[in-house]
Amino acid sequence: MKKSFGIFYKKAIKLYNISENDIHYIVFTNSIKNNAYNDKPGQTIDILKKNNKLKDIALASDISNVAVLSQIHTKNFIYVIRKKFKIKKLITHM
């Protein structure tokens, strides 16, 4: 159980009346990583200038600190299956 999402796990355990071992069937967490710019040689973004020469976007940009763009940003997210019906009702309608 991820500590930062602990409150969501606890609420889902109470709502669904399930054990902590089964919570991974109801609550899902993940993360994605992205960096806007890769400053490694051969992987830079080049701009074609009017004189037909290529210039690294980091050098042509107004942004003074390109290191900020090359940092990896991680976004964490959580999603929970909604409880819209009771299982007893679903079974009686089958």
C-alpha atoms as a PDB file:
ATOM      1  CA  MET A   1       0.000   0.000   0.000  1.00  0.00           C
ATOM      2  CA  LYS A   2       1.499   3.358  -0.999  1.00  0.00           C
ATOM      3  CA  LYS A   3       1.670   5.684   1.996  1.00  0.00           C
ATOM      4  CA  SER A   4       0.599   8.788   0.060  1.00  0.00           C
ATOM      5  CA  PHE A   5      -2.664   7.093  -0.990  1.00  0.00           C
ATOM      6  CA  GLY A   6      -3.330   5.423   2.365  1.00  0.00           C
ATOM      7  CA  ILE A   7      -6.505   7.379   3.112  1.00  0.00           C
ATOM      8  CA  PHE A   8      -8.072   6.240  -0.176  1.00  0.00           C
ATOM      9  CA  TYR A   9      -7.236   2.627   0.576  1.00  0.00           C
ATOM     10  CA  LYS A  10      -8.761   2.905   4.055  1.00  0.00           C
ATOM     11  CA  LYS A  11     -11.973   4.479   2.710  1.00  0.00           C
ATOM     12  CA  ALA A  12     -12.315   1.811   0.023  1.00  0.00           C
ATOM     13  CA  ILE A  13     -11.736  -0.995   2.555  1.00  0.00           C
ATOM     14  CA  LYS A  14     -14.534   0.418   4.688  1.00  0.00           C
ATOM     15  CA  LEU A  15     -16.895   1.112   1.758  1.00  0.00           C
ATOM     16  CA  TYR A  16     -16.513  -2.308   0.140  1.00  0.00           C
ATOM     17  CA  ASN A  17     -16.071  -4.188   3.416  1.00  0.00           C
ATOM     18  CA  ILE A  18     -13.052  -6.087   2.104  1.00  0.00           C
ATOM     19  CA  SER A  19      -9.676  -7.009   3.555  1.00  0.00           C
ATOM     20  CA  GLU A  20      -6.489  -5.070   3.002  1.00  0.00           C
ATOM     21  CA  ASN A  21      -5.187  -8.035   0.977  1.00  0.00           C
ATOM     22  CA  ASP A  22      -8.019  -7.642  -1.580  1.00  0.00           C
ATOM     23  CA  ILE A  23      -7.929  -3.861  -1.943  1.00  0.00           C
ATOM     24  CA  HIS A  24      -5.757  -4.079  -5.082  1.00  0.00           C
ATOM     25  CA  TYR A  25      -8.852  -5.366  -6.955  1.00  0.00           C
ATOM     26  CA  ILE A  26     -10.688  -2.102  -6.242  1.00  0.00           C
ATOM     27  CA  VAL A  27      -8.045   0.630  -5.935  1.00  0.00           C
ATOM     28  CA  PHE A  28      -5.356   1.095  -8.580  1.00  0.00           C
ATOM     29  CA  THR A  29      -2.351   3.401  -8.479  1.00  0.00           C
ATOM     30  CA  ASN A  30       0.240   4.230 -11.075  1.00  0.00           C
ATOM     31  CA  SER A  31       2.639   6.947 -12.130  1.00  0.00           C
ATOM     32  CA  ILE A  32       3.804   8.406 -15.400  1.00  0.00           C
ATOM     33  CA  LYS A  33       7.059  10.179 -16.147  1.00  0.00           C
ATOM     34  CA  ASN A  34       7.744  12.843 -18.722  1.00  0.00           C
ATOM     35  CA  ASN A  35      10.508  15.239 -19.571  1.00  0.00           C
ATOM     36  CA  ALA A  36       9.931  18.060 -22.000  1.00  0.00           C
ATOM     37  CA  TYR A  37      13.463  18.133 -23.376  1.00  0.00           C
ATOM     38  CA  ASN A  38      16.306  15.649 -23.654  1.00  0.00           C
ATOM     39  CA  ASP A  39      19.676  17.367 -23.663  1.00  0.00           C
ATOM     40  CA  LYS A  40      21.739  14.247 -24.451  1.00  0.00           C
ATOM     41  CA  PRO A  41      23.904  14.476 -27.593  1.00  0.00           C
ATOM     42  CA  GLY A  42      22.036  13.315 -30.679  1.00  0.00           C
ATOM     43  CA  GLN A  43      18.640  13.581 -28.971  1.00  0.00           C
ATOM     44  CA  THR A  44      18.200  17.346 -28.915  1.00  0.00           C
ATOM     45  CA  ILE A  45      15.536  19.338 -30.722  1.00  0.00           C
ATOM     46  CA  ASP A  46      17.018  21.368 -33.546  1.00  0.00           C
ATOM     47  CA  ILE A  47      15.508  24.369 -35.288  1.00  0.00           C
ATOM     48  CA  LEU A  48      16.164  25.062 -38.950  1.00  0.00           C
ATOM     49  CA  LYS A  49      17.157  28.719 -39.275  1.00  0.00           C
ATOM     50  CA  LYS A  50      16.590  30.888 -42.343  1.00  0.00           C
ATOM     51  CA  ASN A  51      20.235  30.412 -43.321  1.00  0.00           C
ATOM     52  CA  ASN A  52      19.590  26.607 -43.496  1.00  0.00           C
ATOM     53  CA  LYS A  53      21.679  25.924 -40.386  1.00  0.00           C
ATOM     54  CA  LEU A  54      20.433  23.887 -37.458  1.00  0.00           C
ATOM     55  CA  LYS A  55      20.474  25.329 -33.958  1.00  0.00           C
ATOM     56  CA  ASP A  56      19.710  23.512 -30.710  1.00  0.00           C
ATOM     57  CA  ILE A  57      16.417  24.776 -29.310  1.00  0.00           C
ATOM     58  CA  ALA A  58      18.097  25.248 -25.921  1.00  0.00           C
ATOM     59  CA  LEU A  59      20.419  27.817 -27.465  1.00  0.00           C
ATOM     60  CA  ALA A  60      17.709  29.471 -29.568  1.00  0.00           C
ATOM     61  CA  SER A  61      15.141  29.599 -26.753  1.00  0.00           C
ATOM     62  CA  ASP A  62      14.259  32.518 -24.505  1.00  0.00           C
ATOM     63  CA  ILE A  63      14.329  30.127 -21.560  1.00  0.00           C
ATOM     64  CA  SER A  64      17.556  30.799 -19.696  1.00  0.00           C
ATOM     65  CA  ASN A  65      17.590  27.571 -17.700  1.00  0.00           C
ATOM     66  CA  VAL A  66      17.079  24.611 -20.027  1.00  0.00           C
ATOM     67  CA  ALA A  67      17.942  22.239 -17.179  1.00  0.00           C
ATOM     68  CA  VAL A  68      14.398  22.797 -15.903  1.00  0.00           C
ATOM     69  CA  LEU A  69      12.991  21.429 -19.164  1.00  0.00           C
ATOM     70  CA  SER A  70      15.244  18.372 -19.088  1.00  0.00           C
ATOM     71  CA  GLN A  71      14.159  17.294 -15.582  1.00  0.00           C
ATOM     72  CA  ILE A  72      11.918  14.246 -15.371  1.00  0.00           C
ATOM     73  CA  HIS A  73       8.492  15.076 -13.955  1.00  0.00           C
ATOM     74  CA  THR A  74       6.514  12.299 -12.278  1.00  0.00           C
ATOM     75  CA  LYS A  75       2.740  12.365 -11.904  1.00  0.00           C
ATOM     76  CA  ASN A  76       1.105   9.887  -9.535  1.00  0.00           C
ATOM     77  CA  PHE A  77      -2.545   8.967  -9.864  1.00  0.00           C
ATOM     78  CA  ILE A  78      -5.119   6.785  -8.185  1.00  0.00           C
ATOM     79  CA  TYR A  79      -8.443   5.416  -9.373  1.00  0.00           C
ATOM     80  CA  VAL A  80     -11.129   3.520  -7.554  1.00  0.00           C
ATOM     81  CA  ILE A  81     -13.884   1.349  -8.998  1.00  0.00           C
ATOM     82  CA  ARG A  82     -17.226   2.965  -8.174  1.00  0.00           C
ATOM     83  CA  LYS A  83     -19.754   1.151  -6.108  1.00  0.00           C
ATOM     84  CA  LYS A  84     -22.987   1.641  -8.075  1.00  0.00           C
ATOM     85  CA  PHE A  85     -24.932  -1.433  -7.083  1.00  0.00           C
ATOM     86  CA  LYS A  86     -25.066  -4.108  -4.452  1.00  0.00           C
ATOM     87  CA  ILE A  87     -24.023  -7.598  -5.480  1.00  0.00           C
ATOM     88  CA  LYS A  88     -27.163  -9.088  -3.916  1.00  0.00           C
ATOM     89  CA  LYS A  89     -29.385  -7.036  -6.219  1.00  0.00           C
ATOM     90  CA  LEU A  90     -27.308  -7.982  -9.249  1.00  0.00           C
ATOM     91  CA  ILE A  91     -27.559 -11.710  -8.481  1.00  0.00           C
ATOM     92  CA  THR A  92     -31.341 -11.623  -7.987  1.00  0.00           C
ATOM     93  CA  HIS A  93     -31.837 -10.035 -11.436  1.00  0.00           C
ATOM     94  CA  MET A  94     -29.810 -12.674 -13.292  1.00  0.00           C
END
